[in-house]
Amino acid sequence: MIRVTGNVNLSNRIVKALLRKVEKAFGEGNVKRAGLKVENDRLAEDSRAVEPYIRKRVYKAGNDKFARIVDIIKAEEAAYKTLK
């Protein structure tokens, strides 16, 4: 701990040195954070490029399950023919 007794210039010099060190630490932290962000973005892009291509499944239309009018008419005609 530094004790300053009445010497204003020494106090200002210490404060300025402290502020320079703080500014340097913040600057180094910002540079490191920016570098890590760029690396993270690059790795995310590489990850997307490596992901396997997944084909989309083609779904059949749900209406194919139901009988069509034409099929019903043909079935009725076939039934009447067998009854005759």
Protein backbone atom coordinates (compact mmCIF):
# COMPACT_ATOMS: atom_id res chain seq x y z
CA MET A 1 0.00 0.00 0.00
CA ILE A 2 1.36 3.40 -1.01
CA ARG A 3 0.74 6.26 1.31
CA VAL A 4 0.79 9.74 -0.17
CA THR A 5 1.02 12.59 2.27
CA GLY A 6 0.33 15.88 0.60
CA ASN A 7 2.28 15.30 -2.62
CA VAL A 8 -0.37 15.89 -5.30
CA ASN A 9 1.96 15.24 -8.24
CA LEU A 10 2.85 11.78 -6.92
CA SER A 11 -0.83 11.03 -6.39
CA ASN A 12 -1.73 12.14 -9.92
CA ARG A 13 1.15 10.10 -11.32
CA ILE A 14 -0.02 6.98 -9.44
CA VAL A 15 -3.61 7.48 -10.54
CA LYS A 16 -2.53 7.96 -14.15
CA ALA A 17 -0.35 4.84 -14.02
CA LEU A 18 -3.20 2.88 -12.51
CA LEU A 19 -5.61 4.12 -15.17
CA ARG A 20 -3.11 3.21 -17.92
CA LYS A 21 -2.85 -0.31 -16.50
CA VAL A 22 -6.63 -0.61 -16.29
CA GLU A 23 -6.99 0.67 -19.85
CA LYS A 24 -4.38 -1.80 -21.05
CA ALA A 25 -6.15 -4.68 -19.29
CA PHE A 26 -9.50 -3.69 -20.82
CA GLY A 27 -7.87 -3.37 -24.24
CA GLU A 28 -6.26 -6.79 -23.98
CA GLY A 29 -9.55 -8.27 -22.81
CA ASN A 30 -11.44 -6.71 -25.72
CA VAL A 31 -8.87 -7.96 -28.23
CA LYS A 32 -8.98 -11.44 -26.76
CA ARG A 33 -12.80 -11.45 -26.73
CA ALA A 34 -12.95 -10.27 -30.35
CA GLY A 35 -10.48 -12.98 -31.39
CA LEU A 36 -12.49 -15.65 -29.61
CA LYS A 37 -15.70 -14.43 -31.24
CA VAL A 38 -14.13 -14.68 -34.70
CA GLU A 39 -12.84 -18.16 -33.93
CA ASN A 40 -16.25 -19.21 -32.59
CA ASP A 41 -17.97 -17.96 -35.76
CA ARG A 42 -15.46 -19.82 -37.93
CA LEU A 43 -15.93 -23.05 -36.00
CA ALA A 44 -19.72 -22.73 -36.20
CA GLU A 45 -19.48 -22.29 -39.97
CA ASP A 46 -17.18 -25.32 -40.24
CA SER A 47 -19.65 -27.31 -38.15
CA ARG A 48 -22.52 -26.41 -40.49
CA ALA A 49 -20.42 -27.46 -43.49
CA VAL A 50 -19.70 -30.89 -41.97
CA GLU A 51 -23.29 -31.71 -41.02
CA PRO A 52 -24.71 -34.50 -43.17
CA TYR A 53 -27.26 -33.65 -45.79
CA ILE A 54 -30.63 -34.97 -44.68
CA ARG A 55 -33.18 -35.63 -47.38
CA LYS A 56 -36.65 -34.42 -46.70
CA ARG A 57 -39.28 -37.11 -46.46
CA VAL A 58 -42.05 -36.93 -49.02
CA TYR A 59 -45.39 -37.53 -47.39
CA LYS A 60 -48.25 -39.15 -49.23
CA ALA A 61 -51.42 -37.17 -49.48
CA GLY A 62 -53.87 -38.04 -46.74
CA ASN A 63 -56.80 -38.11 -49.16
CA ASP A 64 -55.43 -41.24 -50.87
CA LYS A 65 -56.81 -43.30 -47.98
CA PHE A 66 -60.39 -42.38 -48.79
CA ALA A 67 -62.47 -43.96 -51.52
CA ARG A 68 -63.10 -41.92 -54.64
CA ILE A 69 -66.57 -41.52 -56.14
CA VAL A 70 -65.50 -43.24 -59.35
CA ASP A 71 -64.28 -46.28 -57.39
CA ILE A 72 -67.55 -46.43 -55.45
CA ILE A 73 -69.61 -46.37 -58.66
CA LYS A 74 -67.49 -49.13 -60.20
CA ALA A 75 -67.85 -51.25 -57.05
CA GLU A 76 -71.64 -50.78 -57.05
CA GLU A 77 -71.87 -51.72 -60.73
CA ALA A 78 -69.75 -54.81 -60.12
CA ALA A 79 -71.97 -55.76 -57.17
CA TYR A 80 -75.15 -55.38 -59.27
CA LYS A 81 -73.65 -57.49 -62.04
CA THR A 82 -72.91 -60.32 -59.63
CA LEU A 83 -76.46 -60.20 -58.24
CA LYS A 84 -78.08 -60.54 -61.66
